[in-house]
Amino acid sequence: MTQETVEIAAPRAKDHKEELYTAKPWQLIWRRFSKHVLAVASLWFLAILALCAVFAEQVAPYDPFKVSRLRTLAPPTGIHLFYEGQFVGPFVYGLARERDLETARVLYETDTETRLPVQLFFAGDDYSFFGLFTTNLHLFGVDDRREQINLLGTDDLGRDVFSRLIHGARVTLSAGLIGVVFAFVLGLTLGSISGYFGGWIDSAIQRLMEFIRSIPTIPLWMGLAAALPIA
């Protein structure tokens, strides 16, 4: 009795053309997108902005509505890494506030004698973490209640502009996302009704869409802005 040895051939590796032919549409899109360096960098940049907006309370060092009368219209705070030629880590200088007797304007000067190290995961203002619990952990800050780190300065009420910008980005991104979802659902619904019934219903929906698209967008928004009450 003899035994025959059967050799099983290894699976043949697909060449580049065959991979493109058998790839799914989203794989082809991603393959072409990933080759565009500027597009990939923009994607990462937008992803970072979106994460900052979602976790605005953690990224922003201060409450966006916190008023400070002692820091009205303060200039942006610069972050320094070297002191007297030596690397000491990120820190900021304090601000000396004084009023000009002739113009009555508040002037700020950098206090080089006061150095405040920038701390990561800083315990600052309290906030609610997505309604689950209350915490005071922020991404960065300075451990001095008399001084602040204002990356973009403050407004006329002493509120931190950077914190307000981060929280404002959340509103902007939410409005865009809600608009896209609403337009998708409405378009899908009207398109399904139009395609299913056809006839005069299809014609009525098409004429309605053409009428809406014929309205100039900018004058429409200007009219709505003038009609709506100011909060």
C-alpha atoms as a PDB file:
ATOM      1  CA  MET A   1       0.000   0.000   0.000  1.00  0.00           C
ATOM      2  CA  THR A   2       1.476   3.255  -1.081  1.00  0.00           C
ATOM      3  CA  GLN A   3       0.865   6.727   0.277  1.00  0.00           C
ATOM      4  CA  GLU A   4       0.740   9.663  -2.051  1.00  0.00           C
ATOM      5  CA  THR A   5       1.844  13.071  -0.862  1.00  0.00           C
ATOM      6  CA  VAL A   6      -0.402  15.873  -2.011  1.00  0.00           C
ATOM      7  CA  GLU A   7       1.106  19.329  -2.012  1.00  0.00           C
ATOM      8  CA  ILE A   8      -1.281  22.193  -1.381  1.00  0.00           C
ATOM      9  CA  ALA A   9      -0.283  25.277  -3.265  1.00  0.00           C
ATOM     10  CA  ALA A  10       0.000  28.461  -1.247  1.00  0.00           C
ATOM     11  CA  PRO A  11      -2.597  31.098  -2.041  1.00  0.00           C
ATOM     12  CA  ARG A  12      -1.433  33.402  -4.777  1.00  0.00           C
ATOM     13  CA  ALA A  13      -0.783  36.934  -3.701  1.00  0.00           C
ATOM     14  CA  LYS A  14      -2.907  39.492  -5.475  1.00  0.00           C
ATOM     15  CA  ASP A  15      -1.102  41.987  -7.619  1.00  0.00           C
ATOM     16  CA  HIS A  16      -1.787  45.721  -7.508  1.00  0.00           C
ATOM     17  CA  LYS A  17      -4.222  45.729 -10.434  1.00  0.00           C
ATOM     18  CA  GLU A  18      -6.240  42.844  -9.015  1.00  0.00           C
ATOM     19  CA  GLU A  19      -6.436  44.545  -5.612  1.00  0.00           C
ATOM     20  CA  LEU A  20      -7.827  47.669  -7.243  1.00  0.00           C
ATOM     21  CA  TYR A  21     -10.318  45.619  -9.265  1.00  0.00           C
ATOM     22  CA  THR A  22     -11.642  43.699  -6.247  1.00  0.00           C
ATOM     23  CA  ALA A  23     -11.487  46.563  -3.730  1.00  0.00           C
ATOM     24  CA  LYS A  24     -14.667  48.048  -2.334  1.00  0.00           C
ATOM     25  CA  PRO A  25     -15.608  51.657  -3.174  1.00  0.00           C
ATOM     26  CA  TRP A  26     -14.707  52.995   0.269  1.00  0.00           C
ATOM     27  CA  GLN A  27     -11.320  51.245   0.043  1.00  0.00           C
ATOM     28  CA  LEU A  28     -10.624  52.942  -3.278  1.00  0.00           C
ATOM     29  CA  ILE A  29     -11.634  56.301  -1.807  1.00  0.00           C
ATOM     30  CA  TRP A  30      -9.398  55.842   1.229  1.00  0.00           C
ATOM     31  CA  ARG A  31      -6.473  54.635  -0.907  1.00  0.00           C
ATOM     32  CA  ARG A  32      -6.642  57.764  -3.038  1.00  0.00           C
ATOM     33  CA  PHE A  33      -7.276  60.029  -0.052  1.00  0.00           C
ATOM     34  CA  SER A  34      -4.345  58.666   1.971  1.00  0.00           C
ATOM     35  CA  LYS A  35      -1.930  59.528  -0.847  1.00  0.00           C
ATOM     36  CA  HIS A  36      -2.812  63.222  -0.570  1.00  0.00           C
ATOM     37  CA  VAL A  37      -0.525  64.567   2.176  1.00  0.00           C
ATOM     38  CA  LEU A  38      -2.339  67.881   2.557  1.00  0.00           C
ATOM     39  CA  ALA A  39      -5.714  66.148   2.819  1.00  0.00           C
ATOM     40  CA  VAL A  40      -4.468  63.768   5.539  1.00  0.00           C
ATOM     41  CA  ALA A  41      -2.916  66.652   7.493  1.00  0.00           C
ATOM     42  CA  SER A  42      -6.178  68.588   7.211  1.00  0.00           C
ATOM     43  CA  LEU A  43      -8.102  65.551   8.450  1.00  0.00           C
ATOM     44  CA  TRP A  44      -5.913  65.318  11.551  1.00  0.00           C
ATOM     45  CA  PHE A  45      -6.250  69.062  12.129  1.00  0.00           C
ATOM     46  CA  LEU A  46     -10.048  68.912  11.912  1.00  0.00           C
ATOM     47  CA  ALA A  47     -10.099  65.860  14.178  1.00  0.00           C
ATOM     48  CA  ILE A  48      -8.079  67.729  16.817  1.00  0.00           C
ATOM     49  CA  LEU A  49     -10.420  70.721  16.566  1.00  0.00           C
ATOM     50  CA  ALA A  50     -13.439  68.448  16.926  1.00  0.00           C
ATOM     51  CA  LEU A  51     -11.961  66.764  20.013  1.00  0.00           C
ATOM     52  CA  CYS A  52     -11.182  70.162  21.541  1.00  0.00           C
ATOM     53  CA  ALA A  53     -14.783  71.220  20.944  1.00  0.00           C
ATOM     54  CA  VAL A  54     -16.227  68.012  22.416  1.00  0.00           C
ATOM     55  CA  PHE A  55     -13.997  68.232  25.499  1.00  0.00           C
ATOM     56  CA  ALA A  56     -14.157  72.034  25.737  1.00  0.00           C
ATOM     57  CA  GLU A  57     -14.427  72.084  29.534  1.00  0.00           C
ATOM     58  CA  GLN A  58     -11.253  70.033  29.854  1.00  0.00           C
ATOM     59  CA  VAL A  59      -9.220  71.905  27.215  1.00  0.00           C
ATOM     60  CA  ALA A  60     -10.260  75.429  28.220  1.00  0.00           C
ATOM     61  CA  PRO A  61      -8.345  76.610  31.305  1.00  0.00           C
ATOM     62  CA  TYR A  62     -11.193  78.793  32.632  1.00  0.00           C
ATOM     63  CA  ASP A  63     -14.942  79.141  32.691  1.00  0.00           C
ATOM     64  CA  PRO A  64     -15.926  81.072  29.523  1.00  0.00           C
ATOM     65  CA  PHE A  65     -18.364  83.195  31.545  1.00  0.00           C
ATOM     66  CA  LYS A  66     -15.978  83.953  34.410  1.00  0.00           C
ATOM     67  CA  VAL A  67     -15.578  87.739  34.787  1.00  0.00           C
ATOM     68  CA  SER A  68     -12.380  89.312  36.142  1.00  0.00           C
ATOM     69  CA  ARG A  69     -12.392  93.083  36.615  1.00  0.00           C
ATOM     70  CA  LEU A  70      -8.654  93.079  37.279  1.00  0.00           C
ATOM     71  CA  ARG A  71      -7.806  91.627  33.838  1.00  0.00           C
ATOM     72  CA  THR A  72     -10.020  93.528  31.407  1.00  0.00           C
ATOM     73  CA  LEU A  73      -8.572  93.704  27.875  1.00  0.00           C
ATOM     74  CA  ALA A  74      -5.381  91.964  28.980  1.00  0.00           C
ATOM     75  CA  PRO A  75      -2.896  91.114  26.191  1.00  0.00           C
ATOM     76  CA  PRO A  76      -2.194  87.502  25.165  1.00  0.00           C
ATOM     77  CA  THR A  77       0.049  85.576  27.526  1.00  0.00           C
ATOM     78  CA  GLY A  78       3.215  84.242  25.947  1.00  0.00           C
ATOM     79  CA  ILE A  79       4.555  80.818  26.943  1.00  0.00           C
ATOM     80  CA  HIS A  80       8.322  80.678  27.498  1.00  0.00           C
ATOM     81  CA  LEU A  81      10.632  77.672  27.687  1.00  0.00           C
ATOM     82  CA  PHE A  82      14.015  79.229  28.515  1.00  0.00           C
ATOM     83  CA  TYR A  83      15.058  81.456  31.400  1.00  0.00           C
ATOM     84  CA  GLU A  84      18.486  83.114  31.386  1.00  0.00           C
ATOM     85  CA  GLY A  85      19.618  80.787  28.600  1.00  0.00           C
ATOM     86  CA  GLN A  86      18.564  77.576  30.352  1.00  0.00           C
ATOM     87  CA  PHE A  87      15.640  75.304  29.546  1.00  0.00           C
ATOM     88  CA  VAL A  88      13.267  75.310  32.524  1.00  0.00           C
ATOM     89  CA  GLY A  89      10.054  74.043  30.941  1.00  0.00           C
ATOM     90  CA  PRO A  90       6.950  75.987  29.931  1.00  0.00           C
ATOM     91  CA  PHE A  91       6.164  79.010  32.085  1.00  0.00           C
ATOM     92  CA  VAL A  92       4.524  82.427  31.825  1.00  0.00           C
ATOM     93  CA  TYR A  93       5.360  85.796  33.311  1.00  0.00           C
ATOM     94  CA  GLY A  94       2.987  87.700  35.522  1.00  0.00           C
ATOM     95  CA  LEU A  95       1.245  90.906  34.484  1.00  0.00           C
ATOM     96  CA  ALA A  96       1.608  94.222  36.299  1.00  0.00           C
ATOM     97  CA  ARG A  97      -1.537  96.341  36.004  1.00  0.00           C
ATOM     98  CA  GLU A  98      -1.527 100.114  36.301  1.00  0.00           C
ATOM     99  CA  ARG A  99      -3.707 103.005  35.145  1.00  0.00           C
ATOM    100  CA  ASP A 100      -2.472 105.902  33.043  1.00  0.00           C
ATOM    101  CA  LEU A 101      -3.305 109.111  34.931  1.00  0.00           C
ATOM    102  CA  GLU A 102      -3.571 111.163  31.742  1.00  0.00           C
ATOM    103  CA  THR A 103      -5.746 108.888  29.607  1.00  0.00           C
ATOM    104  CA  ALA A 104      -7.307 106.811  32.439  1.00  0.00           C
ATOM    105  CA  ARG A 105      -6.547 103.698  30.402  1.00  0.00           C
ATOM    106  CA  VAL A 106      -5.448 100.460  32.022  1.00  0.00           C
ATOM    107  CA  LEU A 107      -1.948  99.439  30.959  1.00  0.00           C
ATOM    108  CA  TYR A 108      -0.287  96.054  31.390  1.00  0.00           C
ATOM    109  CA  GLU A 109       3.421  95.380  31.686  1.00  0.00           C
ATOM    110  CA  THR A 110       5.187  92.041  31.847  1.00  0.00           C
ATOM    111  CA  ASP A 111       6.450  91.262  35.344  1.00  0.00           C
ATOM    112  CA  THR A 112       9.654  89.356  34.673  1.00  0.00           C
ATOM    113  CA  GLU A 113      10.197  88.842  38.390  1.00  0.00           C
ATOM    114  CA  THR A 114       7.135  86.588  38.593  1.00  0.00           C
ATOM    115  CA  ARG A 115       7.481  83.241  36.831  1.00  0.00           C
ATOM    116  CA  LEU A 116       4.545  80.835  36.858  1.00  0.00           C
ATOM    117  CA  PRO A 117       5.110  77.270  35.596  1.00  0.00           C
ATOM    118  CA  VAL A 118       2.432  75.907  33.284  1.00  0.00           C
ATOM    119  CA  GLN A 119       0.954  72.780  34.840  1.00  0.00           C
ATOM    120  CA  LEU A 120      -0.720  69.939  32.980  1.00  0.00           C
ATOM    121  CA  PHE A 121      -3.975  68.499  34.339  1.00  0.00           C
ATOM    122  CA  PHE A 122      -4.519  71.556  36.451  1.00  0.00           C
ATOM    123  CA  ALA A 123      -7.215  71.831  39.151  1.00  0.00           C
ATOM    124  CA  GLY A 124      -9.191  74.956  38.261  1.00  0.00           C
ATOM    125  CA  ASP A 125     -12.841  75.960  37.950  1.00  0.00           C
ATOM    126  CA  ASP A 126     -15.510  73.350  38.617  1.00  0.00           C
ATOM    127  CA  TYR A 127     -17.618  72.040  35.735  1.00  0.00           C
ATOM    128  CA  SER A 128     -19.984  69.181  34.969  1.00  0.00           C
ATOM    129  CA  PHE A 129     -18.478  66.318  32.954  1.00  0.00           C
ATOM    130  CA  PHE A 130     -21.268  65.625  30.420  1.00  0.00           C
ATOM    131  CA  GLY A 131     -23.783  65.764  33.241  1.00  0.00           C
ATOM    132  CA  LEU A 132     -22.296  62.688  34.937  1.00  0.00           C
ATOM    133  CA  PHE A 133     -20.255  64.199  37.760  1.00  0.00           C
ATOM    134  CA  THR A 134     -18.560  67.427  38.805  1.00  0.00           C
ATOM    135  CA  THR A 135     -14.809  67.862  38.472  1.00  0.00           C
ATOM    136  CA  ASN A 136     -12.229  70.651  38.213  1.00  0.00           C
ATOM    137  CA  LEU A 137      -9.554  68.987  36.064  1.00  0.00           C
ATOM    138  CA  HIS A 138      -8.307  71.086  33.133  1.00  0.00           C
ATOM    139  CA  LEU A 139      -5.669  70.338  30.522  1.00  0.00           C
ATOM    140  CA  PHE A 140      -3.345  73.160  31.597  1.00  0.00           C
ATOM    141  CA  GLY A 141      -3.200  76.203  33.848  1.00  0.00           C
ATOM    142  CA  VAL A 142      -1.125  78.102  36.396  1.00  0.00           C
ATOM    143  CA  ASP A 143      -1.253  77.482  40.135  1.00  0.00           C
ATOM    144  CA  ASP A 144      -1.827  81.075  41.196  1.00  0.00           C
ATOM    145  CA  ARG A 145      -5.273  82.563  41.753  1.00  0.00           C
ATOM    146  CA  ARG A 146      -3.932  86.093  41.264  1.00  0.00           C
ATOM    147  CA  GLU A 147      -2.539  85.346  37.804  1.00  0.00           C
ATOM    148  CA  GLN A 148      -3.946  83.699  34.698  1.00  0.00           C
ATOM    149  CA  ILE A 149      -2.714  82.225  31.445  1.00  0.00           C
ATOM    150  CA  ASN A 150      -4.667  83.938  28.676  1.00  0.00           C
ATOM    151  CA  LEU A 151      -3.365  82.596  25.366  1.00  0.00           C
ATOM    152  CA  LEU A 152      -5.542  84.993  23.342  1.00  0.00           C
ATOM    153  CA  GLY A 153      -5.969  87.702  25.961  1.00  0.00           C
ATOM    154  CA  THR A 154      -9.224  88.762  27.620  1.00  0.00           C
ATOM    155  CA  ASP A 155     -12.259  90.773  26.527  1.00  0.00           C
ATOM    156  CA  ASP A 156     -13.708  93.958  28.015  1.00  0.00           C
ATOM    157  CA  LEU A 157     -15.202  91.962  30.902  1.00  0.00           C
ATOM    158  CA  GLY A 158     -12.005  90.085  31.709  1.00  0.00           C
ATOM    159  CA  ARG A 159     -13.215  86.773  30.274  1.00  0.00           C
ATOM    160  CA  ASP A 160     -10.638  84.451  28.751  1.00  0.00           C
ATOM    161  CA  VAL A 161     -10.924  84.648  24.946  1.00  0.00           C
ATOM    162  CA  PHE A 162      -9.310  81.233  24.364  1.00  0.00           C
ATOM    163  CA  SER A 163     -11.819  79.506  26.647  1.00  0.00           C
ATOM    164  CA  ARG A 164     -14.700  81.293  24.946  1.00  0.00           C
ATOM    165  CA  LEU A 165     -13.340  80.347  21.521  1.00  0.00           C
ATOM    166  CA  ILE A 166     -13.132  76.651  22.426  1.00  0.00           C
ATOM    167  CA  HIS A 167     -16.694  76.618  23.761  1.00  0.00           C
ATOM    168  CA  GLY A 168     -17.890  78.591  20.737  1.00  0.00           C
ATOM    169  CA  ALA A 169     -16.390  75.967  18.428  1.00  0.00           C
ATOM    170  CA  ARG A 170     -18.678  73.398  20.040  1.00  0.00           C
ATOM    171  CA  VAL A 171     -21.739  75.443  19.068  1.00  0.00           C
ATOM    172  CA  THR A 172     -20.453  75.963  15.519  1.00  0.00           C
ATOM    173  CA  LEU A 173     -19.649  72.294  14.934  1.00  0.00           C
ATOM    174  CA  SER A 174     -22.944  71.198  16.484  1.00  0.00           C
ATOM    175  CA  ALA A 175     -24.908  73.543  14.221  1.00  0.00           C
ATOM    176  CA  GLY A 176     -23.129  72.211  11.134  1.00  0.00           C
ATOM    177  CA  LEU A 177     -23.617  68.578  12.156  1.00  0.00           C
ATOM    178  CA  ILE A 178     -27.296  69.079  12.987  1.00  0.00           C
ATOM    179  CA  GLY A 179     -27.804  70.874   9.673  1.00  0.00           C
ATOM    180  CA  VAL A 180     -26.231  68.016   7.707  1.00  0.00           C
ATOM    181  CA  VAL A 181     -28.296  65.378   9.536  1.00  0.00           C
ATOM    182  CA  PHE A 182     -31.504  67.367   9.088  1.00  0.00           C
ATOM    183  CA  ALA A 183     -30.832  67.924   5.374  1.00  0.00           C
ATOM    184  CA  PHE A 184     -30.007  64.228   4.906  1.00  0.00           C
ATOM    185  CA  VAL A 185     -33.177  63.006   6.616  1.00  0.00           C
ATOM    186  CA  LEU A 186     -35.395  65.556   4.856  1.00  0.00           C
ATOM    187  CA  GLY A 187     -33.847  64.872   1.452  1.00  0.00           C
ATOM    188  CA  LEU A 188     -34.099  61.118   1.931  1.00  0.00           C
ATOM    189  CA  THR A 189     -37.752  61.376   2.961  1.00  0.00           C
ATOM    190  CA  LEU A 190     -38.833  63.688   0.143  1.00  0.00           C
ATOM    191  CA  GLY A 191     -36.811  61.751  -2.421  1.00  0.00           C
ATOM    192  CA  SER A 192     -38.362  58.460  -1.331  1.00  0.00           C
ATOM    193  CA  ILE A 193     -41.881  59.896  -1.521  1.00  0.00           C
ATOM    194  CA  SER A 194     -41.186  61.450  -4.906  1.00  0.00           C
ATOM    195  CA  GLY A 195     -39.729  58.265  -6.366  1.00  0.00           C
ATOM    196  CA  TYR A 196     -42.340  55.936  -4.879  1.00  0.00           C
ATOM    197  CA  PHE A 197     -45.526  57.787  -5.853  1.00  0.00           C
ATOM    198  CA  GLY A 198     -44.361  59.669  -8.945  1.00  0.00           C
ATOM    199  CA  GLY A 199     -46.906  61.582 -10.999  1.00  0.00           C
ATOM    200  CA  TRP A 200     -48.127  64.942  -9.720  1.00  0.00           C
ATOM    201  CA  ILE A 201     -46.561  64.319  -6.283  1.00  0.00           C
ATOM    202  CA  ASP A 202     -43.142  63.957  -7.893  1.00  0.00           C
ATOM    203  CA  SER A 203     -43.691  67.105  -9.966  1.00  0.00           C
ATOM    204  CA  ALA A 204     -44.897  69.112  -6.948  1.00  0.00           C
ATOM    205  CA  ILE A 205     -41.871  68.136  -4.842  1.00  0.00           C
ATOM    206  CA  GLN A 206     -39.465  68.914  -7.686  1.00  0.00           C
ATOM    207  CA  ARG A 207     -41.026  72.344  -8.311  1.00  0.00           C
ATOM    208  CA  LEU A 208     -40.919  73.094  -4.573  1.00  0.00           C
ATOM    209  CA  MET A 209     -37.217  72.244  -4.399  1.00  0.00           C
ATOM    210  CA  GLU A 210     -36.495  74.367  -7.464  1.00  0.00           C
ATOM    211  CA  PHE A 211     -38.328  77.306  -5.904  1.00  0.00           C
ATOM    212  CA  ILE A 212     -36.392  76.994  -2.639  1.00  0.00           C
ATOM    213  CA  ARG A 213     -33.048  76.772  -4.453  1.00  0.00           C
ATOM    214  CA  SER A 214     -33.896  79.839  -6.539  1.00  0.00           C
ATOM    215  CA  ILE A 215     -34.126  82.061  -3.438  1.00  0.00           C
ATOM    216  CA  PRO A 216     -30.847  83.996  -2.900  1.00  0.00           C
ATOM    217  CA  THR A 217     -29.208  82.704   0.271  1.00  0.00           C
ATOM    218  CA  ILE A 218     -27.496  85.843   1.572  1.00  0.00           C
ATOM    219  CA  PRO A 219     -30.564  88.154   1.446  1.00  0.00           C
ATOM    220  CA  LEU A 220     -32.612  85.378   3.044  1.00  0.00           C
ATOM    221  CA  TRP A 221     -30.262  85.096   6.015  1.00  0.00           C
ATOM    222  CA  MET A 222     -30.052  88.884   6.300  1.00  0.00           C
ATOM    223  CA  GLY A 223     -33.837  89.090   6.449  1.00  0.00           C
ATOM    224  CA  LEU A 224     -34.051  86.332   9.057  1.00  0.00           C
ATOM    225  CA  ALA A 225     -31.325  87.991  11.138  1.00  0.00           C
ATOM    226  CA  ALA A 226     -33.238  91.279  11.089  1.00  0.00           C
ATOM    227  CA  ALA A 227     -36.546  89.599  11.932  1.00  0.00           C
ATOM    228  CA  LEU A 228     -35.329  87.470  14.831  1.00  0.00           C
ATOM    229  CA  PRO A 229     -35.088  89.177  18.233  1.00  0.00           C
ATOM    230  CA  ILE A 230     -31.648  89.808  19.692  1.00  0.00           C
ATOM    231  CA  ALA A 231     -31.021  87.705  22.806  1.00  0.00           C
END
